[in-house]
Amino acid sequence: MFRGPIAFLLILALISSNFSRFFIIAGFELNRSYISTTLCENRDMPEMNCEGQCYLSKKIKQIQDKEKKESQDLKKNSFQEAMLTVKIDLNKAFYECLSFSIIESPIILPVKSSSIFHPPKV
């Protein structure tokens, strides 16, 4: 019952995360007149012919910085996880070496045989 909508939402989430730059550019193109008149940093200087390009470049730079930070965090987390795993394995091996158990078994001495051990005959 819920498989279809959940699958659709997961696909939508994957697409939106992969095409975030595309959505920024499409939103810029759809709202170009609003952005150039209200959000543009160079709206007071019409000779620059910016028309909102400064706003677009700022948004794209923000997305690139965010993706770069996420990739660095992912690398950092995977490195920390690897180091933690190695540390746990070393600790486990160390404690296994210390916690060996001595199995106490009775010591069985050989029985003297009179046929072999006898004084020399003169």
Foldseek 3Di string as FASTA:
>chain_A
DCVVVVVVVVVVVVVCLVCVLVVLVVVCVVCLVVCLCPVDPCNVPVVVVCSNVVVSVVVVVVSVVVVVVVVVVVVVVVVVVVVVVVVVVVVVVVVCVVPDDDDDDDDDDDDDDPVVDDDDDD
